[in-house]
Amino acid sequence: MADENFLSNKEVIGNLMDRMDELEASLSETNRIIVKYNGLREDLEEAEIEVEEMKDGLKQVKENVCDIETKQKTNKQVKDYLRRYGSWIFTGITFILYLYELGVFDSLF
């Protein structure tokens, strides 16, 4: 009866070898998952860098658009001023030239 409770050395070693095989398979699976996780972390870091680069590019595009809009507004304002006051400016210059032709400025210089 006492012999029934104990396993032989061969059975113990066999059980240990089976457990070691199971542990080795589990460890291999864990290593595979860790490698996959590390690859995903690298991909995530690369994607974060790309997102930051895109944000910087988008910021530059927004600045360029603002510059273009400012230039367009300025050009429009200049055109509006010329349209409003261009005839007055032309009249003033023509009047000054007319006075010059008459010799009004000869006495000043």
N, C-alpha and C. Protein backbone atom coordinates (compact mmCIF):
# COMPACT_ATOMS: atom_id res chain seq x y z
N MET A 1 0.79 -1.18 0.00
CA MET A 1 0.00 0.00 0.00
C MET A 1 0.84 1.26 0.00
N ALA A 2 1.92 1.21 0.67
CA ALA A 2 2.77 2.39 0.73
C ALA A 2 3.35 2.68 -0.63
N ASP A 3 3.53 1.64 -1.41
CA ASP A 3 4.10 1.82 -2.74
C ASP A 3 3.10 2.45 -3.70
N GLU A 4 1.82 2.33 -3.43
CA GLU A 4 0.80 2.87 -4.31
C GLU A 4 0.78 4.40 -4.28
N ASN A 5 1.14 5.01 -3.19
CA ASN A 5 1.11 6.46 -3.05
C ASN A 5 2.31 7.14 -3.70
N PHE A 6 3.35 6.42 -3.90
CA PHE A 6 4.56 7.01 -4.46
C PHE A 6 4.68 6.67 -5.92
N LEU A 7 5.28 7.61 -6.67
CA LEU A 7 5.53 7.38 -8.09
C LEU A 7 6.97 6.95 -8.26
N SER A 8 7.19 6.25 -9.29
CA SER A 8 8.57 5.84 -9.56
C SER A 8 9.35 7.03 -10.11
N ASN A 9 10.64 6.92 -10.05
CA ASN A 9 11.49 8.01 -10.58
C ASN A 9 11.18 8.26 -12.05
N LYS A 10 10.94 7.22 -12.77
CA LYS A 10 10.64 7.36 -14.21
C LYS A 10 9.35 8.15 -14.40
N GLU A 11 8.33 7.88 -13.60
CA GLU A 11 7.06 8.60 -13.69
C GLU A 11 7.22 10.07 -13.28
N VAL A 12 8.01 10.31 -12.24
CA VAL A 12 8.24 11.68 -11.78
C VAL A 12 8.95 12.47 -12.87
N ILE A 13 9.99 11.88 -13.42
CA ILE A 13 10.75 12.55 -14.48
C ILE A 13 9.87 12.76 -15.70
N GLY A 14 9.05 11.80 -16.03
CA GLY A 14 8.12 11.94 -17.15
C GLY A 14 7.14 13.08 -16.92
N ASN A 15 6.58 13.15 -15.71
CA ASN A 15 5.66 14.24 -15.38
C ASN A 15 6.37 15.60 -15.44
N LEU A 16 7.58 15.65 -14.89
CA LEU A 16 8.36 16.89 -14.93
C LEU A 16 8.66 17.30 -16.37
N MET A 17 8.99 16.35 -17.19
CA MET A 17 9.28 16.65 -18.60
C MET A 17 8.03 17.17 -19.31
N ASP A 18 6.89 16.56 -19.01
CA ASP A 18 5.63 17.04 -19.60
C ASP A 18 5.34 18.47 -19.15
N ARG A 19 5.52 18.74 -17.84
CA ARG A 19 5.29 20.09 -17.32
C ARG A 19 6.27 21.09 -17.94
N MET A 20 7.52 20.65 -18.11
CA MET A 20 8.52 21.53 -18.72
C MET A 20 8.15 21.84 -20.17
N ASP A 21 7.65 20.85 -20.88
CA ASP A 21 7.21 21.08 -22.26
C ASP A 21 6.06 22.08 -22.30
N GLU A 22 5.11 21.91 -21.35
CA GLU A 22 3.99 22.86 -21.28
C GLU A 22 4.48 24.26 -20.95
N LEU A 23 5.40 24.36 -19.99
CA LEU A 23 5.95 25.66 -19.61
C LEU A 23 6.75 26.28 -20.77
N GLU A 24 7.48 25.44 -21.47
CA GLU A 24 8.26 25.95 -22.62
C GLU A 24 7.32 26.46 -23.71
N ALA A 25 6.24 25.77 -23.97
CA ALA A 25 5.26 26.23 -24.96
C ALA A 25 4.61 27.53 -24.49
N SER A 26 4.29 27.59 -23.20
CA SER A 26 3.70 28.80 -22.66
C SER A 26 4.68 29.97 -22.73
N LEU A 27 5.94 29.70 -22.42
CA LEU A 27 6.96 30.73 -22.50
C LEU A 27 7.18 31.19 -23.94
N SER A 28 7.16 30.27 -24.87
CA SER A 28 7.28 30.64 -26.28
C SER A 28 6.13 31.52 -26.72
N GLU A 29 4.93 31.16 -26.28
CA GLU A 29 3.75 31.97 -26.62
C GLU A 29 3.87 33.36 -25.98
N THR A 30 4.34 33.42 -24.75
CA THR A 30 4.54 34.71 -24.07
C THR A 30 5.57 35.55 -24.81
N ASN A 31 6.66 34.93 -25.22
CA ASN A 31 7.69 35.65 -25.98
C ASN A 31 7.14 36.17 -27.31
N ARG A 32 6.34 35.34 -27.97
CA ARG A 32 5.75 35.76 -29.24
C ARG A 32 4.83 36.97 -29.02
N ILE A 33 4.04 36.95 -27.95
CA ILE A 33 3.14 38.06 -27.64
C ILE A 33 3.94 39.32 -27.30
N ILE A 34 5.03 39.16 -26.55
CA ILE A 34 5.86 40.32 -26.19
C ILE A 34 6.49 40.93 -27.43
N VAL A 35 6.99 40.09 -28.33
CA VAL A 35 7.58 40.60 -29.57
C VAL A 35 6.53 41.34 -30.39
N LYS A 36 5.34 40.78 -30.47
CA LYS A 36 4.25 41.44 -31.19
C LYS A 36 3.91 42.76 -30.53
N TYR A 37 3.85 42.79 -29.21
CA TYR A 37 3.54 44.02 -28.47
C TYR A 37 4.61 45.08 -28.73
N ASN A 38 5.87 44.66 -28.67
CA ASN A 38 6.96 45.61 -28.92
C ASN A 38 6.88 46.17 -30.33
N GLY A 39 6.54 45.33 -31.28
CA GLY A 39 6.36 45.80 -32.66
C GLY A 39 5.23 46.81 -32.75
N LEU A 40 4.13 46.54 -32.04
CA LEU A 40 3.01 47.47 -32.04
C LEU A 40 3.40 48.78 -31.37
N ARG A 41 4.20 48.73 -30.30
CA ARG A 41 4.66 49.96 -29.65
C ARG A 41 5.52 50.78 -30.60
N GLU A 42 6.40 50.11 -31.34
CA GLU A 42 7.23 50.82 -32.31
C GLU A 42 6.36 51.47 -33.39
N ASP A 43 5.38 50.72 -33.88
CA ASP A 43 4.47 51.26 -34.88
C ASP A 43 3.71 52.47 -34.32
N LEU A 44 3.29 52.36 -33.07
CA LEU A 44 2.56 53.46 -32.44
C LEU A 44 3.45 54.69 -32.31
N GLU A 45 4.69 54.50 -31.90
CA GLU A 45 5.61 55.63 -31.77
C GLU A 45 5.86 56.29 -33.13
N GLU A 46 6.04 55.47 -34.18
CA GLU A 46 6.22 56.01 -35.52
C GLU A 46 4.98 56.79 -35.97
N ALA A 47 3.81 56.24 -35.65
CA ALA A 47 2.57 56.92 -36.03
C ALA A 47 2.43 58.24 -35.28
N GLU A 48 2.82 58.27 -34.00
CA GLU A 48 2.75 59.51 -33.23
C GLU A 48 3.69 60.56 -33.82
N ILE A 49 4.87 60.14 -34.26
CA ILE A 49 5.82 61.07 -34.89
C ILE A 49 5.22 61.62 -36.18
N GLU A 50 4.63 60.74 -36.97
CA GLU A 50 4.01 61.17 -38.23
C GLU A 50 2.86 62.14 -37.96
N VAL A 51 2.07 61.88 -36.92
CA VAL A 51 0.96 62.78 -36.58
C VAL A 51 1.50 64.16 -36.21
N GLU A 52 2.57 64.20 -35.43
CA GLU A 52 3.17 65.48 -35.05
C GLU A 52 3.69 66.22 -36.27
N GLU A 53 4.32 65.48 -37.20
CA GLU A 53 4.80 66.11 -38.43
C GLU A 53 3.64 66.66 -39.24
N MET A 54 2.54 65.91 -39.29
CA MET A 54 1.36 66.37 -40.02
C MET A 54 0.76 67.61 -39.36
N LYS A 55 0.75 67.64 -38.02
CA LYS A 55 0.24 68.81 -37.31
C LYS A 55 1.08 70.03 -37.64
N ASP A 56 2.41 69.84 -37.66
CA ASP A 56 3.30 70.96 -38.00
C ASP A 56 3.05 71.43 -39.43
N GLY A 57 2.88 70.47 -40.33
CA GLY A 57 2.59 70.82 -41.72
C GLY A 57 1.27 71.55 -41.85
N LEU A 58 0.27 71.09 -41.11
CA LEU A 58 -1.05 71.73 -41.15
C LEU A 58 -0.97 73.14 -40.59
N LYS A 59 -0.19 73.32 -39.53
CA LYS A 59 -0.02 74.65 -38.95
C LYS A 59 0.62 75.59 -39.98
N GLN A 60 1.62 75.08 -40.71
CA GLN A 60 2.28 75.89 -41.74
C GLN A 60 1.30 76.25 -42.86
N VAL A 61 0.48 75.30 -43.25
CA VAL A 61 -0.52 75.56 -44.30
C VAL A 61 -1.51 76.62 -43.83
N LYS A 62 -1.94 76.53 -42.57
CA LYS A 62 -2.87 77.54 -42.03
C LYS A 62 -2.23 78.92 -42.04
N GLU A 63 -0.96 78.99 -41.67
CA GLU A 63 -0.26 80.28 -41.69
C GLU A 63 -0.17 80.82 -43.11
N ASN A 64 0.12 79.95 -44.06
CA ASN A 64 0.19 80.38 -45.46
C ASN A 64 -1.16 80.88 -45.95
N VAL A 65 -2.22 80.18 -45.57
CA VAL A 65 -3.56 80.60 -45.98
C VAL A 65 -3.89 81.96 -45.38
N CYS A 66 -3.53 82.16 -44.11
CA CYS A 66 -3.77 83.46 -43.47
C CYS A 66 -2.99 84.57 -44.18
N ASP A 67 -1.74 84.28 -44.55
CA ASP A 67 -0.93 85.27 -45.28
C ASP A 67 -1.57 85.62 -46.62
N ILE A 68 -2.03 84.60 -47.33
CA ILE A 68 -2.66 84.82 -48.63
C ILE A 68 -3.93 85.64 -48.46
N GLU A 69 -4.75 85.30 -47.45
CA GLU A 69 -5.98 86.05 -47.22
C GLU A 69 -5.68 87.50 -46.88
N THR A 70 -4.63 87.73 -46.08
CA THR A 70 -4.26 89.10 -45.72
C THR A 70 -3.82 89.87 -46.96
N LYS A 71 -3.03 89.24 -47.80
CA LYS A 71 -2.59 89.90 -49.04
C LYS A 71 -3.78 90.22 -49.94
N GLN A 72 -4.71 89.28 -50.03
CA GLN A 72 -5.89 89.52 -50.87
C GLN A 72 -6.72 90.67 -50.32
N LYS A 73 -6.88 90.75 -49.00
CA LYS A 73 -7.64 91.85 -48.41
C LYS A 73 -6.93 93.18 -48.66
N THR A 74 -5.61 93.17 -48.51
CA THR A 74 -4.85 94.40 -48.75
C THR A 74 -4.98 94.84 -50.20
N ASN A 75 -4.84 93.91 -51.12
CA ASN A 75 -4.99 94.24 -52.55
C ASN A 75 -6.38 94.79 -52.84
N LYS A 76 -7.37 94.17 -52.23
CA LYS A 76 -8.75 94.64 -52.45
C LYS A 76 -8.92 96.06 -51.91
N GLN A 77 -8.34 96.32 -50.73
CA GLN A 77 -8.44 97.66 -50.15
C GLN A 77 -7.75 98.70 -51.03
N VAL A 78 -6.57 98.35 -51.54
CA VAL A 78 -5.85 99.28 -52.42
C VAL A 78 -6.68 99.56 -53.67
N LYS A 79 -7.25 98.53 -54.25
CA LYS A 79 -8.07 98.71 -55.44
C LYS A 79 -9.29 99.58 -55.12
N ASP A 80 -9.91 99.34 -53.97
CA ASP A 80 -11.06 100.16 -53.58
C ASP A 80 -10.66 101.62 -53.41
N TYR A 81 -9.52 101.88 -52.75
CA TYR A 81 -9.06 103.26 -52.58
C TYR A 81 -8.76 103.92 -53.91
N LEU A 82 -8.11 103.16 -54.80
CA LEU A 82 -7.82 103.73 -56.13
C LEU A 82 -9.10 104.01 -56.89
N ARG A 83 -10.06 103.13 -56.75
CA ARG A 83 -11.33 103.32 -57.43
C ARG A 83 -12.06 104.56 -56.88
N ARG A 84 -12.02 104.72 -55.56
CA ARG A 84 -12.70 105.85 -54.93
C ARG A 84 -11.97 107.18 -55.16
N TYR A 85 -10.66 107.12 -54.94
CA TYR A 85 -9.91 108.38 -54.92
C TYR A 85 -8.99 108.56 -56.12
N GLY A 86 -8.98 107.60 -57.02
CA GLY A 86 -8.10 107.70 -58.19
C GLY A 86 -8.40 108.91 -59.06
N SER A 87 -9.66 109.19 -59.24
CA SER A 87 -10.00 110.35 -60.07
C SER A 87 -9.56 111.65 -59.40
N TRP A 88 -9.66 111.72 -58.08
CA TRP A 88 -9.18 112.91 -57.35
C TRP A 88 -7.67 113.05 -57.46
N ILE A 89 -6.97 111.94 -57.33
CA ILE A 89 -5.51 111.97 -57.45
C ILE A 89 -5.11 112.41 -58.86
N PHE A 90 -5.76 111.82 -59.87
CA PHE A 90 -5.45 112.19 -61.25
C PHE A 90 -5.75 113.67 -61.49
N THR A 91 -6.86 114.15 -60.96
CA THR A 91 -7.23 115.56 -61.11
C THR A 91 -6.21 116.45 -60.43
N GLY A 92 -5.78 116.09 -59.24
CA GLY A 92 -4.78 116.88 -58.51
C GLY A 92 -3.46 116.95 -59.27
N ILE A 93 -3.00 115.80 -59.77
CA ILE A 93 -1.74 115.78 -60.52
C ILE A 93 -1.89 116.61 -61.80
N THR A 94 -3.00 116.46 -62.47
CA THR A 94 -3.24 117.24 -63.70
C THR A 94 -3.28 118.73 -63.38
N PHE A 95 -3.90 119.10 -62.27
CA PHE A 95 -3.97 120.50 -61.88
C PHE A 95 -2.57 121.06 -61.57
N ILE A 96 -1.77 120.28 -60.86
CA ILE A 96 -0.40 120.72 -60.56
C ILE A 96 0.40 120.88 -61.85
N LEU A 97 0.27 119.94 -62.78
CA LEU A 97 0.98 120.05 -64.06
C LEU A 97 0.48 121.28 -64.84
N TYR A 98 -0.78 121.54 -64.78
CA TYR A 98 -1.35 122.70 -65.46
C TYR A 98 -0.77 124.00 -64.87
N LEU A 99 -0.70 124.05 -63.53
CA LEU A 99 -0.10 125.22 -62.89
C LEU A 99 1.37 125.35 -63.25
N TYR A 100 2.05 124.25 -63.37
CA TYR A 100 3.46 124.28 -63.77
C TYR A 100 3.59 124.83 -65.19
N GLU A 101 2.70 124.40 -66.07
CA GLU A 101 2.71 124.89 -67.45
C GLU A 101 2.44 126.40 -67.50
N LEU A 102 1.62 126.88 -66.64
CA LEU A 102 1.30 128.31 -66.58
C LEU A 102 2.45 129.12 -65.99
N GLY A 103 3.39 128.44 -65.34
CA GLY A 103 4.53 129.14 -64.76
C GLY A 103 4.30 129.63 -63.35
N VAL A 104 3.29 129.12 -62.68
CA VAL A 104 3.00 129.55 -61.33
C VAL A 104 4.16 129.19 -60.38
N PHE A 105 4.82 128.11 -60.63
CA PHE A 105 5.88 127.65 -59.74
C PHE A 105 7.21 128.31 -60.05
N ASP A 106 7.33 129.04 -61.13
CA ASP A 106 8.58 129.70 -61.48
C ASP A 106 9.01 130.70 -60.41
N SER A 107 8.07 131.37 -59.83
CA SER A 107 8.40 132.38 -58.81
C SER A 107 8.78 131.72 -57.48
N LEU A 108 8.38 130.48 -57.25
CA LEU A 108 8.69 129.79 -56.01
C LEU A 108 10.10 129.23 -55.97
N PHE A 109 10.61 128.87 -57.12
CA PHE A 109 11.93 128.21 -57.16
C PHE A 109 12.94 129.20 -57.62
